[in-house]
N, C-alpha and C. Protein backbone atom coordinates (compact mmCIF):
# COMPACT_ATOMS: atom_id res chain seq x y z
N UNK A 1 0.85 -1.03 0.19
CA UNK A 1 0.04 0.41 0.03
C UNK A 1 0.88 1.42 -0.28
N UNK A 2 0.28 2.27 -0.54
CA UNK A 2 1.18 3.55 -1.13
C UNK A 2 0.04 4.80 -0.08
N UNK A 3 0.79 5.75 0.28
CA UNK A 3 0.65 6.97 0.91
C UNK A 3 1.16 7.78 0.66
N UNK A 4 0.76 9.30 -0.02
CA UNK A 4 0.97 10.55 -0.42
C UNK A 4 0.05 11.56 0.40
N UNK A 5 0.57 11.90 1.80
CA UNK A 5 0.03 12.41 2.54
C UNK A 5 0.60 13.93 3.30
N UNK A 6 0.46 15.05 3.02
CA UNK A 6 1.14 16.32 3.86
C UNK A 6 0.20 17.13 4.50
N UNK A 7 0.57 17.00 5.66
CA UNK A 7 0.27 17.91 6.45
C UNK A 7 0.84 19.05 6.62
N UNK A 8 0.88 20.71 6.64
CA UNK A 8 1.84 21.52 6.86
C UNK A 8 1.10 22.82 7.25
N UNK A 9 1.98 23.21 7.97
CA UNK A 9 1.33 24.56 9.16
C UNK A 9 2.61 25.44 8.45
N UNK A 10 1.93 26.86 7.94
CA UNK A 10 3.32 27.71 8.07
C UNK A 10 2.33 29.24 7.54
N UNK A 11 3.26 30.19 7.45
CA UNK A 11 2.92 31.66 6.31
C UNK A 11 3.02 31.37 5.30
N UNK A 12 2.10 32.07 4.69
CA UNK A 12 1.88 32.54 3.28
C UNK A 12 3.01 33.91 3.03
N UNK A 13 4.23 33.21 1.46
CA UNK A 13 4.24 33.95 1.27
C UNK A 13 4.43 35.43 0.40
N UNK A 14 3.41 35.27 -0.20
CA UNK A 14 2.57 36.36 -0.49
C UNK A 14 1.02 36.29 -0.84
N UNK A 15 0.63 37.36 -1.16
CA UNK A 15 -0.63 36.99 -1.28
C UNK A 15 -1.49 36.61 -2.05
N UNK A 16 -2.21 35.31 -2.03
CA UNK A 16 -2.74 34.46 -3.31
C UNK A 16 -3.61 35.08 -4.30
N UNK A 17 -3.43 34.78 -5.98
CA UNK A 17 -3.77 35.53 -6.82
C UNK A 17 -5.33 34.35 -7.39
N UNK A 18 -6.25 34.59 -7.25
CA UNK A 18 -7.05 33.64 -7.87
C UNK A 18 -7.42 33.95 -9.48
N UNK A 19 -7.24 32.47 -10.10
CA UNK A 19 -7.12 32.48 -11.46
C UNK A 19 -8.33 31.20 -11.78
N UNK A 20 -8.79 31.74 -13.00
CA UNK A 20 -9.78 30.77 -13.79
C UNK A 20 -8.82 30.20 -14.84
N UNK A 21 -9.40 28.44 -14.95
CA UNK A 21 -8.83 27.60 -16.09
C UNK A 21 -9.75 27.87 -17.31
N UNK A 22 -8.92 27.40 -18.17
CA UNK A 22 -9.99 27.55 -19.82
C UNK A 22 -11.32 27.07 -19.31
N UNK A 23 -11.07 26.00 -18.71
CA UNK A 23 -12.74 25.38 -18.41
C UNK A 23 -13.37 25.60 -17.36
N UNK A 24 -13.00 27.32 -16.77
CA UNK A 24 -13.79 27.76 -15.70
C UNK A 24 -13.25 27.42 -14.28
N UNK A 25 -12.48 26.44 -13.97
CA UNK A 25 -12.38 26.08 -13.00
C UNK A 25 -11.07 27.05 -12.17
N UNK A 26 -11.07 27.28 -10.76
CA UNK A 26 -10.37 28.44 -9.91
C UNK A 26 -9.63 27.41 -9.34
N UNK A 27 -8.40 28.13 -9.42
CA UNK A 27 -7.46 27.42 -9.17
C UNK A 27 -6.46 29.02 -8.29
N UNK A 28 -5.43 28.97 -7.39
CA UNK A 28 -4.90 29.62 -6.71
C UNK A 28 -3.23 28.90 -6.24
N UNK A 29 -2.31 29.88 -6.71
CA UNK A 29 -1.29 29.21 -6.18
C UNK A 29 -0.29 30.11 -5.17
N UNK A 30 -0.02 29.84 -4.32
CA UNK A 30 1.15 30.43 -3.09
C UNK A 30 2.05 29.58 -2.59
N UNK A 31 3.12 30.55 -2.21
CA UNK A 31 4.21 30.01 -1.46
C UNK A 31 3.77 30.01 0.43
N UNK A 32 4.42 29.26 0.81
CA UNK A 32 4.28 28.84 2.47
C UNK A 32 5.43 28.64 3.15
N UNK A 33 5.73 29.49 4.00
CA UNK A 33 7.43 29.06 4.61
C UNK A 33 6.56 28.46 5.87
N UNK A 34 8.06 27.64 6.31
CA UNK A 34 8.09 27.17 7.56
C UNK A 34 9.20 26.85 8.14
N UNK A 35 8.92 26.81 9.29
CA UNK A 35 10.53 27.19 10.25
C UNK A 35 10.91 26.14 11.07
N UNK A 36 11.86 25.67 11.30
CA UNK A 36 12.48 24.36 12.03
C UNK A 36 13.69 25.30 13.01
N UNK A 37 13.19 25.00 14.26
CA UNK A 37 14.03 25.32 15.50
C UNK A 37 14.98 24.48 16.23
N UNK A 38 16.08 24.33 16.50
CA UNK A 38 16.97 23.57 17.07
C UNK A 38 18.09 23.96 17.40
N UNK A 39 18.71 23.11 18.70
CA UNK A 39 19.70 23.49 19.38
C UNK A 39 21.02 22.84 18.81
N UNK A 40 21.77 23.03 18.15
CA UNK A 40 23.25 22.26 17.98
C UNK A 40 24.51 21.88 19.01
N UNK A 41 25.21 20.84 18.23
CA UNK A 41 25.80 20.35 19.85
C UNK A 41 26.57 21.30 20.84
N UNK A 42 26.71 22.82 20.17
CA UNK A 42 27.09 23.25 20.96
C UNK A 42 26.50 24.56 21.57
N UNK A 43 25.06 23.90 21.44
CA UNK A 43 24.06 24.88 22.44
C UNK A 43 23.72 26.12 21.74
N UNK A 44 23.87 26.45 20.67
CA UNK A 44 23.16 27.44 19.93
C UNK A 44 21.86 27.29 19.40
N UNK A 45 20.98 28.29 19.76
CA UNK A 45 19.92 28.10 19.05
C UNK A 45 19.92 28.47 17.59
N UNK A 46 19.41 26.96 16.65
CA UNK A 46 19.36 27.47 15.03
C UNK A 46 18.28 27.89 14.45
N UNK A 47 18.16 28.52 13.44
CA UNK A 47 16.75 28.19 12.69
C UNK A 47 16.87 28.50 11.59
N UNK A 48 15.67 27.10 10.71
CA UNK A 48 15.99 27.42 9.26
C UNK A 48 14.70 27.01 8.60
N UNK A 49 14.60 27.99 7.30
CA UNK A 49 13.52 28.25 6.94
C UNK A 49 13.28 27.36 5.75
N UNK A 50 12.11 27.01 5.43
CA UNK A 50 11.84 26.11 4.27
C UNK A 50 10.33 26.69 3.61
N UNK A 51 10.73 26.59 2.24
CA UNK A 51 9.32 27.23 0.96
C UNK A 51 9.12 26.42 0.60
N UNK A 52 7.33 26.29 0.28
CA UNK A 52 7.10 25.14 -0.41
C UNK A 52 5.58 25.43 -1.26
N UNK A 53 5.47 25.13 -2.42
CA UNK A 53 4.55 25.33 -3.43
C UNK A 53 3.13 24.95 -3.26
N UNK A 54 2.38 25.73 -2.83
CA UNK A 54 0.94 25.27 -3.18
C UNK A 54 -0.39 25.75 -3.87
N UNK A 55 -0.87 24.29 -4.19
CA UNK A 55 -1.89 24.83 -5.03
C UNK A 55 -3.04 24.05 -4.61
N UNK A 56 -4.24 25.42 -4.92
CA UNK A 56 -5.87 25.17 -4.03
C UNK A 56 -6.70 24.77 -5.57
N UNK A 57 -7.48 24.08 -5.58
CA UNK A 57 -8.45 24.01 -6.58
C UNK A 57 -9.86 24.44 -5.76
N UNK A 58 -10.67 24.63 -7.07
CA UNK A 58 -11.94 25.14 -6.74
C UNK A 58 -12.37 25.86 -5.45
N UNK A 59 -13.15 25.42 -4.67
CA UNK A 59 -13.61 25.86 -3.30
C UNK A 59 -12.88 26.64 -2.81
N UNK A 60 -11.63 25.70 -2.26
CA UNK A 60 -10.82 25.94 -1.45
C UNK A 60 -9.76 27.11 -2.00
N UNK A 61 -9.72 26.87 -3.31
CA UNK A 61 -9.58 28.42 -3.83
C UNK A 61 -9.53 29.70 -3.76
N UNK A 62 -11.17 29.56 -4.14
CA UNK A 62 -11.82 30.48 -3.46
C UNK A 62 -11.92 31.14 -2.27
N UNK A 63 -11.60 30.14 -1.44
CA UNK A 63 -11.90 30.58 -0.04
C UNK A 63 -10.49 31.48 0.41
N UNK A 64 -9.37 30.56 -0.24
CA UNK A 64 -7.80 31.18 -0.07
C UNK A 64 -7.64 32.38 -0.41
N UNK A 65 -7.89 32.60 -1.56
CA UNK A 65 -8.31 34.33 -2.11
C UNK A 65 -9.03 35.07 -1.39
N UNK A 66 -9.96 34.59 -0.83
CA UNK A 66 -10.78 35.78 0.04
C UNK A 66 -10.34 35.97 1.48
N UNK A 67 -9.84 34.86 2.11
CA UNK A 67 -9.78 34.67 3.20
C UNK A 67 -7.96 34.99 3.88
N UNK A 68 -7.37 34.82 2.93
CA UNK A 68 -5.43 34.31 2.60
C UNK A 68 -4.75 35.42 2.83
N UNK A 69 -3.93 35.84 3.32
CA UNK A 69 -3.00 37.21 2.85
C UNK A 69 -1.52 36.77 3.13
N UNK A 70 -0.54 37.40 2.78
CA UNK A 70 0.69 37.44 3.06
C UNK A 70 0.64 37.68 4.73
N UNK A 71 2.02 37.04 4.74
CA UNK A 71 1.81 36.59 6.62
C UNK A 71 0.50 35.79 7.69
N UNK A 72 -0.03 35.56 6.92
CA UNK A 72 -1.71 34.22 7.84
C UNK A 72 -0.89 33.06 7.76
N UNK A 73 -1.18 33.02 8.90
CA UNK A 73 -1.17 30.99 9.02
C UNK A 73 -1.92 30.38 8.38
N UNK A 74 -1.84 29.32 8.02
CA UNK A 74 -2.68 28.37 7.26
C UNK A 74 -1.98 26.79 7.46
N UNK A 75 -3.12 25.91 7.30
CA UNK A 75 -2.75 24.23 7.86
C UNK A 75 -3.34 23.79 6.58
N UNK A 76 -2.94 23.37 5.77
CA UNK A 76 -2.88 22.92 4.32
C UNK A 76 -2.78 21.28 4.61
N UNK A 77 -4.24 20.56 4.02
CA UNK A 77 -3.74 18.89 4.14
C UNK A 77 -3.71 18.98 2.81
N UNK A 78 -2.78 17.74 2.07
CA UNK A 78 -3.24 17.36 1.10
C UNK A 78 -2.16 16.52 0.47
N UNK A 79 -1.46 16.81 -0.60
CA UNK A 79 -0.35 15.47 -1.48
C UNK A 79 0.79 16.34 -2.33
N UNK A 80 1.46 15.87 -2.80
CA UNK A 80 2.74 16.15 -3.11
C UNK A 80 2.34 15.76 -4.55
N UNK A 81 3.09 16.72 -5.70
CA UNK A 81 2.63 16.62 -6.99
C UNK A 81 4.32 16.74 -7.56
N UNK A 82 4.61 15.98 -8.39
CA UNK A 82 5.94 16.94 -9.08
C UNK A 82 5.76 17.11 -10.38
N UNK A 83 5.33 17.98 -11.20
CA UNK A 83 5.11 18.61 -12.58
C UNK A 83 6.71 18.60 -13.30
N UNK A 84 6.40 17.90 -14.63
CA UNK A 84 7.71 18.44 -15.74
C UNK A 84 7.62 18.99 -16.71
N UNK A 85 7.89 19.97 -17.27
CA UNK A 85 7.62 20.92 -18.72
C UNK A 85 9.52 21.26 -19.08
N UNK A 86 8.45 21.59 -20.55
CA UNK A 86 9.53 21.93 -21.15
C UNK A 86 9.67 23.97 -20.96
N UNK A 87 11.09 24.38 -20.76
CA UNK A 87 10.36 26.10 -21.06
C UNK A 87 10.86 26.98 -22.12
N UNK A 88 10.19 28.20 -22.71
CA UNK A 88 10.64 28.41 -23.68
C UNK A 88 12.14 28.37 -24.65
N UNK A 89 13.31 28.26 -23.51
CA UNK A 89 14.35 27.94 -24.14
C UNK A 89 14.93 26.34 -24.03
N UNK A 90 14.00 25.75 -23.77
CA UNK A 90 14.08 24.26 -24.37
C UNK A 90 14.68 23.44 -23.19
N UNK A 91 14.72 24.44 -21.81
CA UNK A 91 15.55 23.34 -20.53
C UNK A 91 14.13 22.50 -20.11
N UNK A 92 14.66 21.69 -19.81
CA UNK A 92 13.51 20.85 -19.28
C UNK A 92 13.60 21.42 -17.47
N UNK A 93 12.72 21.60 -16.84
CA UNK A 93 11.64 22.60 -16.01
C UNK A 93 11.30 21.26 -14.72
N UNK A 94 11.48 21.31 -13.54
CA UNK A 94 10.42 20.45 -12.49
C UNK A 94 10.27 21.04 -11.23
N UNK A 95 9.21 20.95 -10.79
CA UNK A 95 8.39 21.47 -9.53
C UNK A 95 7.82 20.71 -8.69
N UNK A 96 8.06 20.58 -7.34
CA UNK A 96 6.98 19.84 -6.86
C UNK A 96 6.16 20.88 -5.73
N UNK A 97 4.98 20.26 -6.03
CA UNK A 97 4.07 21.39 -5.62
C UNK A 97 3.09 20.41 -4.38
N UNK A 98 2.76 21.19 -3.32
CA UNK A 98 1.47 20.66 -2.77
C UNK A 98 0.54 20.92 -3.32
N UNK A 99 -0.69 19.69 -3.27
CA UNK A 99 -2.05 19.82 -4.00
C UNK A 99 -2.80 19.92 -2.41
N UNK A 100 -3.13 21.13 -2.23
CA UNK A 100 -4.17 21.05 -0.92
C UNK A 100 -5.66 20.62 -1.32
N UNK A 101 -5.98 19.70 -0.69
CA UNK A 101 -7.37 19.03 -0.45
C UNK A 101 -7.94 19.62 0.60
N UNK A 102 -7.61 20.10 1.70
CA UNK A 102 -8.48 20.69 3.08
C UNK A 102 -7.29 21.96 3.28
N UNK A 103 -8.18 22.81 3.70
CA UNK A 103 -7.48 23.99 4.48
C UNK A 103 -8.09 24.13 5.52
N UNK A 104 -7.35 24.94 6.76
CA UNK A 104 -7.72 25.27 7.83
C UNK A 104 -6.66 26.81 8.35
N UNK A 105 -8.06 27.87 8.37
CA UNK A 105 -7.52 29.04 8.44
C UNK A 105 -6.89 29.19 10.15
N UNK A 106 -5.70 29.88 10.02
CA UNK A 106 -5.72 30.24 11.54
C UNK A 106 -5.76 31.01 12.09
N UNK A 107 -5.68 32.26 12.86
CA UNK A 107 -6.51 33.25 13.32
C UNK A 107 -6.22 34.25 13.16
N UNK A 108 -7.13 35.17 13.60
CA UNK A 108 -7.67 36.44 12.63
C UNK A 108 -6.55 37.11 13.49
N UNK A 109 -6.04 38.03 12.56
CA UNK A 109 -5.42 38.64 13.06
C UNK A 109 -5.59 39.97 13.70
N UNK A 110 -5.26 40.74 14.85
CA UNK A 110 -5.96 42.16 15.37
C UNK A 110 -6.44 42.92 14.63
N UNK A 111 -7.99 43.57 14.93
CA UNK A 111 -8.43 44.40 13.88
C UNK A 111 -9.09 44.08 12.64
N UNK A 112 -9.03 42.84 12.18
CA UNK A 112 -9.75 42.54 10.88
C UNK A 112 -10.98 42.15 11.67
N UNK A 113 -12.02 42.54 11.18
CA UNK A 113 -13.48 42.16 11.10
C UNK A 113 -13.84 41.35 10.86
N UNK A 114 -15.19 40.80 12.03
CA UNK A 114 -15.35 39.88 11.87
C UNK A 114 -17.02 39.42 11.90
N UNK A 115 -17.30 38.97 10.74
CA UNK A 115 -18.77 39.07 10.50
C UNK A 115 -19.35 37.84 10.68
N UNK A 116 -21.23 37.81 10.88
CA UNK A 116 -21.81 36.93 10.91
C UNK A 116 -23.19 37.27 10.32
N UNK A 117 -24.21 36.34 10.39
CA UNK A 117 -25.71 36.71 9.92
C UNK A 117 -26.18 37.77 10.34
N UNK A 118 -26.03 38.44 11.32
CA UNK A 118 -26.46 39.84 12.00
C UNK A 118 -25.71 40.66 11.80
N UNK A 119 -24.65 40.77 11.21
CA UNK A 119 -23.07 41.63 11.13
C UNK A 119 -22.97 41.15 9.88
N UNK A 120 -23.56 41.49 8.68
CA UNK A 120 -22.96 41.10 7.21
C UNK A 120 -21.80 42.02 6.83
N UNK A 121 -20.75 41.76 6.46
CA UNK A 121 -20.03 42.71 5.06
C UNK A 121 -20.87 43.25 4.28
N UNK A 122 -20.65 44.62 4.24
CA UNK A 122 -21.23 45.74 3.52
C UNK A 122 -21.28 46.32 2.19
N UNK A 123 -19.23 45.83 1.91
CA UNK A 123 -18.45 46.53 1.12
C UNK A 123 -17.63 47.62 1.58
N UNK A 124 -18.68 48.36 2.93
CA UNK A 124 -17.77 49.51 3.56
C UNK A 124 -15.87 49.41 3.77
N UNK A 125 -15.60 50.26 4.19
CA UNK A 125 -14.34 49.64 4.59
C UNK A 125 -14.57 50.27 5.59
N UNK A 126 -14.77 50.81 6.32
CA UNK A 126 -14.95 51.00 7.89
C UNK A 126 -16.16 50.24 8.67
N UNK A 127 -15.81 48.86 8.62
CA UNK A 127 -16.80 48.21 8.98
C UNK A 127 -16.63 48.01 10.71
N UNK A 128 -17.58 47.92 11.18
CA UNK A 128 -17.31 47.50 12.83
C UNK A 128 -17.34 46.03 13.29
N UNK A 129 -16.29 45.66 13.80
CA UNK A 129 -16.04 44.18 14.02
C UNK A 129 -17.10 43.58 14.93
N UNK A 130 -17.28 42.81 15.08
CA UNK A 130 -17.97 42.14 16.03
C UNK A 130 -17.28 41.84 17.53
N UNK A 131 -17.58 42.26 18.35
CA UNK A 131 -17.15 42.39 20.06
C UNK A 131 -16.92 41.01 20.46
N UNK A 132 -16.25 40.07 20.72
CA UNK A 132 -16.61 39.12 21.44
C UNK A 132 -17.06 38.86 22.67
N UNK A 133 -18.34 38.31 22.91
CA UNK A 133 -18.62 37.94 24.61
C UNK A 133 -17.58 37.18 25.30
N UNK A 134 -17.28 37.24 26.67
CA UNK A 134 -16.33 36.94 27.05
C UNK A 134 -16.95 36.33 28.58
N UNK A 135 -17.40 35.19 28.52
CA UNK A 135 -17.65 34.52 30.14
C UNK A 135 -18.05 35.44 31.12
N UNK A 136 -18.77 35.29 32.03
CA UNK A 136 -18.53 35.91 33.32
C UNK A 136 -18.28 34.77 34.16
N UNK A 137 -17.53 34.91 34.49
CA UNK A 137 -17.19 33.94 35.97
C UNK A 137 -17.38 34.65 37.40
N UNK A 138 -17.84 34.17 38.23
CA UNK A 138 -18.19 34.75 39.70
C UNK A 138 -17.43 34.01 40.59
N UNK A 139 -16.28 34.46 40.73
CA UNK A 139 -15.30 33.65 42.11
C UNK A 139 -16.73 33.71 43.44
N UNK A 140 -16.83 32.21 44.05
CA UNK A 140 -17.41 32.37 45.13
C UNK A 140 -16.85 32.61 46.50
N UNK A 141 -17.25 32.90 47.47
CA UNK A 141 -16.64 33.92 48.48
C UNK A 141 -15.77 32.91 49.23
N UNK A 142 -14.67 33.50 49.79
CA UNK A 142 -13.52 31.89 50.08
C UNK A 142 -13.75 31.39 51.43
N UNK A 143 -14.25 30.38 51.56
CA UNK A 143 -14.63 29.71 52.80
C UNK A 143 -13.06 29.38 53.74
N UNK A 144 -12.29 29.44 53.45
CA UNK A 144 -11.02 29.03 54.42
C UNK A 144 -10.48 27.69 54.07
N UNK A 145 -11.29 27.04 53.21
CA UNK A 145 -11.22 25.57 53.48
C UNK A 145 -10.12 25.59 52.08
N UNK A 146 -9.23 24.59 52.51
CA UNK A 146 -7.83 24.05 51.31
C UNK A 146 -8.80 22.81 50.60
N UNK A 147 -8.23 23.10 49.31
CA UNK A 147 -8.30 22.55 48.55
C UNK A 147 -7.18 21.49 48.45
N UNK A 148 -7.88 19.95 48.44
CA UNK A 148 -7.58 18.51 48.61
C UNK A 148 -7.33 17.60 46.99
N UNK A 149 -6.19 16.79 47.03
CA UNK A 149 -6.28 16.62 45.49
C UNK A 149 -7.51 15.67 45.07
N UNK A 150 -7.75 14.82 46.11
CA UNK A 150 -9.21 14.15 46.12
C UNK A 150 -10.21 14.64 45.62
N UNK A 151 -10.23 16.07 46.03
CA UNK A 151 -11.31 16.55 45.60
C UNK A 151 -11.62 16.77 43.91
N UNK A 152 -10.45 16.95 43.02
CA UNK A 152 -9.88 17.51 42.23
C UNK A 152 -10.96 16.31 41.03
N UNK A 153 -11.97 16.93 40.35
CA UNK A 153 -12.28 15.76 39.07
C UNK A 153 -11.79 15.01 37.98
N UNK A 154 -10.19 15.44 38.11
CA UNK A 154 -9.41 14.63 37.17
C UNK A 154 -7.96 14.00 37.98
């Protein structure tokens, strides 16, 4: 049995640009940067960046072009695919891409409006973002009793 599955979490290196194929299919390509941090033998902290090419099709491409931008965090689940072609100078070229099958958007940056059915986007620039309701936690009066480990529910 063979398996070609990729999970990658990283930040966009540029804004995605939505295009349409001649058959009307939506497609978007973008770069995704991931980094790795480790401590070498001498105890020095090292960091290395890796850059990946991502391709999304159909509804995923439309979602990416609408909600993703350079620097945003995204999780991509997909597969690896290598394409080969000949350029205008007759040179053989190869590229390995991640073909995204599922995407999960990262957290919204601070100051980005959040919309709902009761607060839909109107196309105006100065939208008022929804205020996130915080739960109210009412502290009980102190009884002076000590918390015992056997009283904990876990």
